[in-house]
C-alpha atoms as a PDB file:
ATOM      1  CA  MET A   1     -54.322 -44.890  71.846  1.00  0.00           C
ATOM      2  CA  THR A   2     -50.741 -43.725  72.289  1.00  0.00           C
ATOM      3  CA  SER A   3     -50.174 -40.201  73.522  1.00  0.00           C
ATOM      4  CA  LEU A   4     -48.757 -37.627  71.146  1.00  0.00           C
ATOM      5  CA  LEU A   5     -45.591 -37.367  73.216  1.00  0.00           C
ATOM      6  CA  ASP A   6     -45.078 -41.138  73.085  1.00  0.00           C
ATOM      7  CA  SER A   7     -45.549 -41.042  69.296  1.00  0.00           C
ATOM      8  CA  ILE A   8     -43.026 -38.229  68.960  1.00  0.00           C
ATOM      9  CA  LYS A   9     -40.508 -40.091  71.121  1.00  0.00           C
ATOM     10  CA  ALA A  10     -41.005 -43.252  69.068  1.00  0.00           C
ATOM     11  CA  GLU A  11     -40.359 -41.316  65.851  1.00  0.00           C
ATOM     12  CA  ASN A  12     -37.278 -39.782  67.421  1.00  0.00           C
ATOM     13  CA  TYR A  13     -35.757 -43.222  68.027  1.00  0.00           C
ATOM     14  CA  LEU A  14     -36.601 -44.632  64.597  1.00  0.00           C
ATOM     15  CA  GLY A  15     -33.821 -42.696  62.933  1.00  0.00           C
ATOM     16  CA  PRO A  16     -33.880 -41.297  59.433  1.00  0.00           C
ATOM     17  CA  THR A  17     -36.123 -42.872  56.829  1.00  0.00           C
ATOM     18  CA  THR A  18     -33.935 -41.796  53.935  1.00  0.00           C
ATOM     19  CA  GLY A  19     -30.319 -40.846  53.633  1.00  0.00           C
ATOM     20  CA  CYS A  20     -29.074 -37.317  53.297  1.00  0.00           C
ATOM     21  CA  ASN A  21     -28.554 -36.435  49.641  1.00  0.00           C
ATOM     22  CA  ILE A  22     -25.372 -34.533  50.469  1.00  0.00           C
ATOM     23  CA  ALA A  23     -23.980 -37.590  52.293  1.00  0.00           C
ATOM     24  CA  TYR A  24     -24.796 -39.682  49.226  1.00  0.00           C
ATOM     25  CA  VAL A  25     -23.050 -37.220  46.896  1.00  0.00           C
ATOM     26  CA  LEU A  26     -20.023 -37.170  49.195  1.00  0.00           C
ATOM     27  CA  SER A  27     -19.867 -40.967  49.067  1.00  0.00           C
ATOM     28  CA  CYS A  28     -19.580 -40.749  45.256  1.00  0.00           C
ATOM     29  CA  MET A  29     -16.550 -38.453  45.378  1.00  0.00           C
ATOM     30  CA  ASN A  30     -12.837 -38.896  45.805  1.00  0.00           C
ATOM     31  CA  LYS A  31     -11.203 -37.476  48.939  1.00  0.00           C
ATOM     32  CA  ALA A  32     -10.089 -34.221  47.291  1.00  0.00           C
ATOM     33  CA  ASP A  33     -13.586 -33.451  46.008  1.00  0.00           C
ATOM     34  CA  GLN A  34     -15.058 -34.393  49.398  1.00  0.00           C
ATOM     35  CA  ALA A  35     -12.742 -31.888  51.076  1.00  0.00           C
ATOM     36  CA  ASP A  36     -13.712 -29.217  48.548  1.00  0.00           C
ATOM     37  CA  LEU A  37     -17.426 -29.828  49.071  1.00  0.00           C
ATOM     38  CA  HIS A  38     -17.029 -29.763  52.861  1.00  0.00           C
ATOM     39  CA  ALA A  39     -15.167 -26.447  52.548  1.00  0.00           C
ATOM     40  CA  ALA A  40     -17.874 -25.007  50.287  1.00  0.00           C
ATOM     41  CA  LEU A  41     -20.636 -26.138  52.635  1.00  0.00           C
ATOM     42  CA  ALA A  42     -18.847 -24.528  55.580  1.00  0.00           C
ATOM     43  CA  ASP A  43     -18.354 -21.222  53.756  1.00  0.00           C
ATOM     44  CA  PRO A  44     -21.416 -18.999  54.306  1.00  0.00           C
ATOM     45  CA  THR A  45     -20.391 -16.726  51.421  1.00  0.00           C
ATOM     46  CA  ILE A  46     -21.003 -19.540  48.927  1.00  0.00           C
ATOM     47  CA  GLN A  47     -24.635 -19.746  47.839  1.00  0.00           C
ATOM     48  CA  HIS A  48     -26.571 -23.012  47.886  1.00  0.00           C
ATOM     49  CA  THR A  49     -27.309 -22.609  44.192  1.00  0.00           C
ATOM     50  CA  ALA A  50     -23.606 -22.285  43.317  1.00  0.00           C
ATOM     51  CA  ILE A  51     -22.953 -25.628  44.980  1.00  0.00           C
ATOM     52  CA  VAL A  52     -25.943 -27.148  43.179  1.00  0.00           C
ATOM     53  CA  ARG A  53     -24.781 -25.881  39.774  1.00  0.00           C
ATOM     54  CA  ALA A  54     -21.224 -27.147  40.287  1.00  0.00           C
ATOM     55  CA  LEU A  55     -22.465 -30.581  41.359  1.00  0.00           C
ATOM     56  CA  LYS A  56     -24.898 -30.725  38.450  1.00  0.00           C
ATOM     57  CA  ASN A  57     -22.009 -29.985  36.080  1.00  0.00           C
ATOM     58  CA  ARG A  58     -20.381 -33.154  37.451  1.00  0.00           C
ATOM     59  CA  ASN A  59     -23.577 -35.186  36.956  1.00  0.00           C
ATOM     60  CA  LEU A  60     -24.371 -35.123  40.669  1.00  0.00           C
ATOM     61  CA  PRO A  61     -27.833 -33.578  40.732  1.00  0.00           C
ATOM     62  CA  ILE A  62     -28.922 -32.178  44.073  1.00  0.00           C
ATOM     63  CA  LYS A  63     -31.531 -29.638  45.114  1.00  0.00           C
ATOM     64  CA  PRO A  64     -30.809 -26.360  46.897  1.00  0.00           C
ATOM     65  CA  THR A  65     -33.101 -27.459  49.726  1.00  0.00           C
ATOM     66  CA  ALA A  66     -30.857 -30.466  50.405  1.00  0.00           C
ATOM     67  CA  VAL A  67     -27.840 -28.184  50.627  1.00  0.00           C
ATOM     68  CA  ALA A  68     -29.711 -25.810  52.946  1.00  0.00           C
ATOM     69  CA  ARG A  69     -30.899 -28.621  55.247  1.00  0.00           C
ATOM     70  CA  HIS A  70     -27.406 -30.089  55.439  1.00  0.00           C
ATOM     71  CA  ARG A  71     -25.850 -26.705  56.185  1.00  0.00           C
ATOM     72  CA  LYS A  72     -28.390 -25.997  58.921  1.00  0.00           C
ATOM     73  CA  LYS A  73     -27.768 -29.479  60.365  1.00  0.00           C
ATOM     74  CA  GLU A  74     -31.424 -30.358  59.831  1.00  0.00           C
ATOM     75  CA  CYS A  75     -30.747 -33.465  57.734  1.00  0.00           C
ATOM     76  CA  CYS A  76     -30.482 -37.031  58.909  1.00  0.00           C
ATOM     77  CA  CYS A  77     -26.678 -36.747  59.179  1.00  0.00           C
ATOM     78  CA  GLU A  78     -27.230 -35.091  62.527  1.00  0.00           C
ATOM     79  CA  PRO A  79     -28.274 -37.158  65.544  1.00  0.00           C
ATOM     80  CA  ARG A  80     -31.819 -36.656  66.628  1.00  0.00           C
END
């Protein structure tokens, strides 16, 4: 049986199993909207839910948890 540490290291090198939802939404946008979303994500005074509502209004549904993970750099966009 493999040790726990070996299993963790193996998982670490596998990479993400699914794409980041924010990265997907960004790929659906033009450059101006991408810049606006990046600015909103970088602005700590803008709530996750405000970003979610604005994206939903543009038929880009996303969950607040996806925004939070992306902002905290806990999504698969960040290297492991």
